Protein backbone atom coordinates (compact mmCIF):
# COMPACT_ATOMS: atom_id res chain seq x y z
CA UNK A 1 0.00 0.00 0.00
CA UNK A 2 2.85 2.35 0.79
CA UNK A 3 4.33 1.74 -2.67
CA UNK A 4 1.01 2.64 -4.30
CA UNK A 5 0.82 5.86 -2.28
CA UNK A 6 4.31 6.85 -3.38
CA UNK A 7 3.47 6.04 -6.98
CA UNK A 8 0.28 8.13 -6.96
CA UNK A 9 2.07 11.03 -5.25
CA UNK A 10 4.81 10.80 -7.88
CA UNK A 11 2.22 10.82 -10.68
CA UNK A 12 0.43 13.87 -9.29
CA UNK A 13 3.65 15.81 -8.75
CA UNK A 14 4.97 14.87 -12.20
CA UNK A 15 1.69 15.91 -13.81
CA UNK A 16 1.64 19.26 -12.01
CA UNK A 17 5.26 20.07 -12.72
CA UNK A 18 5.02 18.93 -16.33
CA UNK A 19 1.98 21.16 -16.79
CA UNK A 20 3.30 24.20 -14.94
CA UNK A 21 6.74 24.52 -16.56
CA UNK A 22 5.67 24.84 -20.24
CA UNK A 23 2.70 27.04 -19.35
CA UNK A 24 4.97 29.25 -17.24
CA UNK A 25 7.63 29.45 -19.95
CA UNK A 26 5.05 30.31 -22.60
CA UNK A 27 3.50 32.92 -20.32
CA UNK A 28 6.95 34.37 -19.59
CA UNK A 29 7.69 34.56 -23.31
CA UNK A 30 4.35 36.34 -23.82
CA UNK A 31 5.27 38.83 -21.07
CA UNK A 32 8.77 39.48 -22.46
CA UNK A 33 7.41 40.06 -25.96
CA UNK A 34 4.74 42.38 -24.58
CA UNK A 35 7.39 44.36 -22.72
CA UNK A 36 9.57 44.53 -25.86
CA UNK A 37 6.74 46.40 -27.55
CA UNK A 38 7.31 49.21 -25.06
CA UNK A 39 11.08 49.52 -25.69
CA UNK A 40 12.04 52.02 -28.38
CA UNK A 41 13.82 50.30 -31.24
CA UNK A 42 12.39 46.89 -30.31
CA UNK A 43 8.73 47.59 -31.01
CA UNK A 44 8.70 45.65 -34.29
CA UNK A 45 10.45 42.65 -32.74
CA UNK A 46 7.96 42.54 -29.89
CA UNK A 47 4.96 42.89 -32.18
CA UNK A 48 6.10 40.24 -34.66
CA UNK A 49 7.10 37.81 -31.91
CA UNK A 50 3.84 38.29 -30.02
CA UNK A 51 1.84 37.91 -33.22
CA UNK A 52 3.63 34.63 -34.06
CA UNK A 53 3.16 33.28 -30.53
CA UNK A 54 -0.54 34.15 -30.66
CA UNK A 55 -0.90 32.44 -34.04
CA UNK A 56 0.62 29.23 -32.69
CA UNK A 57 -1.61 29.29 -29.62
CA UNK A 58 -4.68 30.04 -31.74
CA UNK A 59 -3.89 27.10 -34.04
CA UNK A 60 -3.40 24.72 -31.11
CA UNK A 61 -6.48 26.05 -29.32
CA UNK A 62 -8.91 25.95 -32.27
CA UNK A 63 -9.21 29.73 -32.33
CA UNK A 64 -8.62 30.52 -28.66
CA UNK A 65 -5.08 31.29 -27.40
CA UNK A 66 -5.86 30.29 -23.80
CA UNK A 67 -7.10 26.90 -24.98
CA UNK A 68 -3.88 26.53 -26.97
CA UNK A 69 -1.90 27.20 -23.81
CA UNK A 70 -3.90 24.53 -22.00
CA UNK A 71 -3.32 22.08 -24.86
CA UNK A 72 0.44 22.62 -24.54
CA UNK A 73 0.26 22.12 -20.78
CA UNK A 74 -1.88 18.99 -20.99
CA UNK A 75 0.30 17.46 -23.71
CA UNK A 76 3.46 17.98 -21.66
CA UNK A 77 1.70 16.73 -18.55
CA UNK A 78 0.56 13.56 -20.31
CA UNK A 79 4.06 12.86 -21.59
CA UNK A 80 5.53 13.46 -18.13
CA UNK A 81 3.04 11.04 -16.55
CA UNK A 82 3.83 8.42 -19.19
CA UNK A 83 7.57 8.77 -18.51
CA UNK A 84 6.98 8.52 -14.77
CA UNK A 85 4.87 5.38 -15.26
CA UNK A 86 7.56 3.86 -17.46
CA UNK A 87 10.24 4.66 -14.87
CA UNK A 88 8.14 3.12 -12.10
CA UNK A 89 7.58 -0.02 -14.18
CA UNK A 90 11.28 -0.34 -15.00
CA UNK A 91 12.20 0.14 -11.35
CA UNK A 92 9.76 -2.58 -10.31
CA UNK A 93 10.84 -4.89 -13.10
CA UNK A 94 14.57 -4.48 -12.44
CA UNK A 95 14.28 -4.75 -8.66
CA UNK A 96 12.65 -8.21 -8.95
CA UNK A 97 15.50 -9.54 -11.08
CA UNK A 98 18.25 -8.88 -8.57
C-alpha atoms as a PDB file:
ATOM      1  CA  UNK A   1       0.000   0.000   0.000  1.00  0.00           C
ATOM      2  CA  UNK A   2       2.848   2.352   0.795  1.00  0.00           C
ATOM      3  CA  UNK A   3       4.328   1.736  -2.667  1.00  0.00           C
ATOM      4  CA  UNK A   4       1.008   2.638  -4.301  1.00  0.00           C
ATOM      5  CA  UNK A   5       0.816   5.856  -2.276  1.00  0.00           C
ATOM      6  CA  UNK A   6       4.313   6.852  -3.381  1.00  0.00           C
ATOM      7  CA  UNK A   7       3.471   6.037  -6.979  1.00  0.00           C
ATOM      8  CA  UNK A   8       0.282   8.129  -6.958  1.00  0.00           C
ATOM      9  CA  UNK A   9       2.067  11.026  -5.254  1.00  0.00           C
ATOM     10  CA  UNK A  10       4.812  10.805  -7.879  1.00  0.00           C
ATOM     11  CA  UNK A  11       2.222  10.822 -10.680  1.00  0.00           C
ATOM     12  CA  UNK A  12       0.430  13.867  -9.286  1.00  0.00           C
ATOM     13  CA  UNK A  13       3.646  15.810  -8.751  1.00  0.00           C
ATOM     14  CA  UNK A  14       4.965  14.866 -12.196  1.00  0.00           C
ATOM     15  CA  UNK A  15       1.692  15.914 -13.806  1.00  0.00           C
ATOM     16  CA  UNK A  16       1.636  19.262 -12.008  1.00  0.00           C
ATOM     17  CA  UNK A  17       5.263  20.070 -12.715  1.00  0.00           C
ATOM     18  CA  UNK A  18       5.016  18.925 -16.335  1.00  0.00           C
ATOM     19  CA  UNK A  19       1.976  21.163 -16.789  1.00  0.00           C
ATOM     20  CA  UNK A  20       3.303  24.203 -14.944  1.00  0.00           C
ATOM     21  CA  UNK A  21       6.740  24.520 -16.565  1.00  0.00           C
ATOM     22  CA  UNK A  22       5.668  24.837 -20.244  1.00  0.00           C
ATOM     23  CA  UNK A  23       2.699  27.039 -19.346  1.00  0.00           C
ATOM     24  CA  UNK A  24       4.972  29.250 -17.236  1.00  0.00           C
ATOM     25  CA  UNK A  25       7.628  29.452 -19.945  1.00  0.00           C
ATOM     26  CA  UNK A  26       5.055  30.308 -22.603  1.00  0.00           C
ATOM     27  CA  UNK A  27       3.504  32.922 -20.324  1.00  0.00           C
ATOM     28  CA  UNK A  28       6.949  34.370 -19.595  1.00  0.00           C
ATOM     29  CA  UNK A  29       7.694  34.561 -23.312  1.00  0.00           C
ATOM     30  CA  UNK A  30       4.354  36.342 -23.819  1.00  0.00           C
ATOM     31  CA  UNK A  31       5.270  38.831 -21.071  1.00  0.00           C
ATOM     32  CA  UNK A  32       8.769  39.478 -22.456  1.00  0.00           C
ATOM     33  CA  UNK A  33       7.415  40.056 -25.961  1.00  0.00           C
ATOM     34  CA  UNK A  34       4.738  42.380 -24.584  1.00  0.00           C
ATOM     35  CA  UNK A  35       7.386  44.357 -22.723  1.00  0.00           C
ATOM     36  CA  UNK A  36       9.569  44.526 -25.856  1.00  0.00           C
ATOM     37  CA  UNK A  37       6.743  46.395 -27.550  1.00  0.00           C
ATOM     38  CA  UNK A  38       7.312  49.215 -25.060  1.00  0.00           C
ATOM     39  CA  UNK A  39      11.082  49.515 -25.687  1.00  0.00           C
ATOM     40  CA  UNK A  40      12.037  52.024 -28.383  1.00  0.00           C
ATOM     41  CA  UNK A  41      13.817  50.304 -31.240  1.00  0.00           C
ATOM     42  CA  UNK A  42      12.391  46.894 -30.308  1.00  0.00           C
ATOM     43  CA  UNK A  43       8.729  47.587 -31.010  1.00  0.00           C
ATOM     44  CA  UNK A  44       8.696  45.651 -34.285  1.00  0.00           C
ATOM     45  CA  UNK A  45      10.454  42.646 -32.740  1.00  0.00           C
ATOM     46  CA  UNK A  46       7.959  42.538 -29.890  1.00  0.00           C
ATOM     47  CA  UNK A  47       4.965  42.893 -32.183  1.00  0.00           C
ATOM     48  CA  UNK A  48       6.103  40.243 -34.655  1.00  0.00           C
ATOM     49  CA  UNK A  49       7.098  37.808 -31.910  1.00  0.00           C
ATOM     50  CA  UNK A  50       3.844  38.287 -30.019  1.00  0.00           C
ATOM     51  CA  UNK A  51       1.836  37.906 -33.219  1.00  0.00           C
ATOM     52  CA  UNK A  52       3.634  34.633 -34.058  1.00  0.00           C
ATOM     53  CA  UNK A  53       3.157  33.278 -30.534  1.00  0.00           C
ATOM     54  CA  UNK A  54      -0.544  34.146 -30.659  1.00  0.00           C
ATOM     55  CA  UNK A  55      -0.902  32.438 -34.036  1.00  0.00           C
ATOM     56  CA  UNK A  56       0.623  29.227 -32.692  1.00  0.00           C
ATOM     57  CA  UNK A  57      -1.614  29.289 -29.619  1.00  0.00           C
ATOM     58  CA  UNK A  58      -4.680  30.037 -31.741  1.00  0.00           C
ATOM     59  CA  UNK A  59      -3.895  27.102 -34.036  1.00  0.00           C
ATOM     60  CA  UNK A  60      -3.396  24.721 -31.113  1.00  0.00           C
ATOM     61  CA  UNK A  61      -6.476  26.046 -29.323  1.00  0.00           C
ATOM     62  CA  UNK A  62      -8.912  25.953 -32.266  1.00  0.00           C
ATOM     63  CA  UNK A  63      -9.213  29.728 -32.329  1.00  0.00           C
ATOM     64  CA  UNK A  64      -8.619  30.515 -28.658  1.00  0.00           C
ATOM     65  CA  UNK A  65      -5.084  31.288 -27.402  1.00  0.00           C
ATOM     66  CA  UNK A  66      -5.862  30.286 -23.800  1.00  0.00           C
ATOM     67  CA  UNK A  67      -7.095  26.896 -24.979  1.00  0.00           C
ATOM     68  CA  UNK A  68      -3.878  26.533 -26.968  1.00  0.00           C
ATOM     69  CA  UNK A  69      -1.896  27.205 -23.814  1.00  0.00           C
ATOM     70  CA  UNK A  70      -3.904  24.534 -21.996  1.00  0.00           C
ATOM     71  CA  UNK A  71      -3.319  22.082 -24.864  1.00  0.00           C
ATOM     72  CA  UNK A  72       0.435  22.615 -24.540  1.00  0.00           C
ATOM     73  CA  UNK A  73       0.263  22.117 -20.780  1.00  0.00           C
ATOM     74  CA  UNK A  74      -1.882  18.994 -20.995  1.00  0.00           C
ATOM     75  CA  UNK A  75       0.301  17.464 -23.713  1.00  0.00           C
ATOM     76  CA  UNK A  76       3.463  17.982 -21.660  1.00  0.00           C
ATOM     77  CA  UNK A  77       1.696  16.728 -18.547  1.00  0.00           C
ATOM     78  CA  UNK A  78       0.556  13.558 -20.314  1.00  0.00           C
ATOM     79  CA  UNK A  79       4.060  12.855 -21.594  1.00  0.00           C
ATOM     80  CA  UNK A  80       5.531  13.458 -18.128  1.00  0.00           C
ATOM     81  CA  UNK A  81       3.039  11.040 -16.555  1.00  0.00           C
ATOM     82  CA  UNK A  82       3.830   8.421 -19.191  1.00  0.00           C
ATOM     83  CA  UNK A  83       7.570   8.769 -18.513  1.00  0.00           C
ATOM     84  CA  UNK A  84       6.976   8.524 -14.770  1.00  0.00           C
ATOM     85  CA  UNK A  85       4.873   5.383 -15.260  1.00  0.00           C
ATOM     86  CA  UNK A  86       7.565   3.855 -17.460  1.00  0.00           C
ATOM     87  CA  UNK A  87      10.235   4.665 -14.871  1.00  0.00           C
ATOM     88  CA  UNK A  88       8.137   3.118 -12.099  1.00  0.00           C
ATOM     89  CA  UNK A  89       7.581  -0.017 -14.183  1.00  0.00           C
ATOM     90  CA  UNK A  90      11.284  -0.337 -15.000  1.00  0.00           C
ATOM     91  CA  UNK A  91      12.204   0.140 -11.352  1.00  0.00           C
ATOM     92  CA  UNK A  92       9.756  -2.576 -10.309  1.00  0.00           C
ATOM     93  CA  UNK A  93      10.839  -4.895 -13.097  1.00  0.00           C
ATOM     94  CA  UNK A  94      14.568  -4.483 -12.437  1.00  0.00           C
ATOM     95  CA  UNK A  95      14.276  -4.746  -8.660  1.00  0.00           C
ATOM     96  CA  UNK A  96      12.650  -8.208  -8.954  1.00  0.00           C
ATOM     97  CA  UNK A  97      15.496  -9.542 -11.085  1.00  0.00           C
ATOM     98  CA  UNK A  98      18.254  -8.880  -8.570  1.00  0.00           C
END
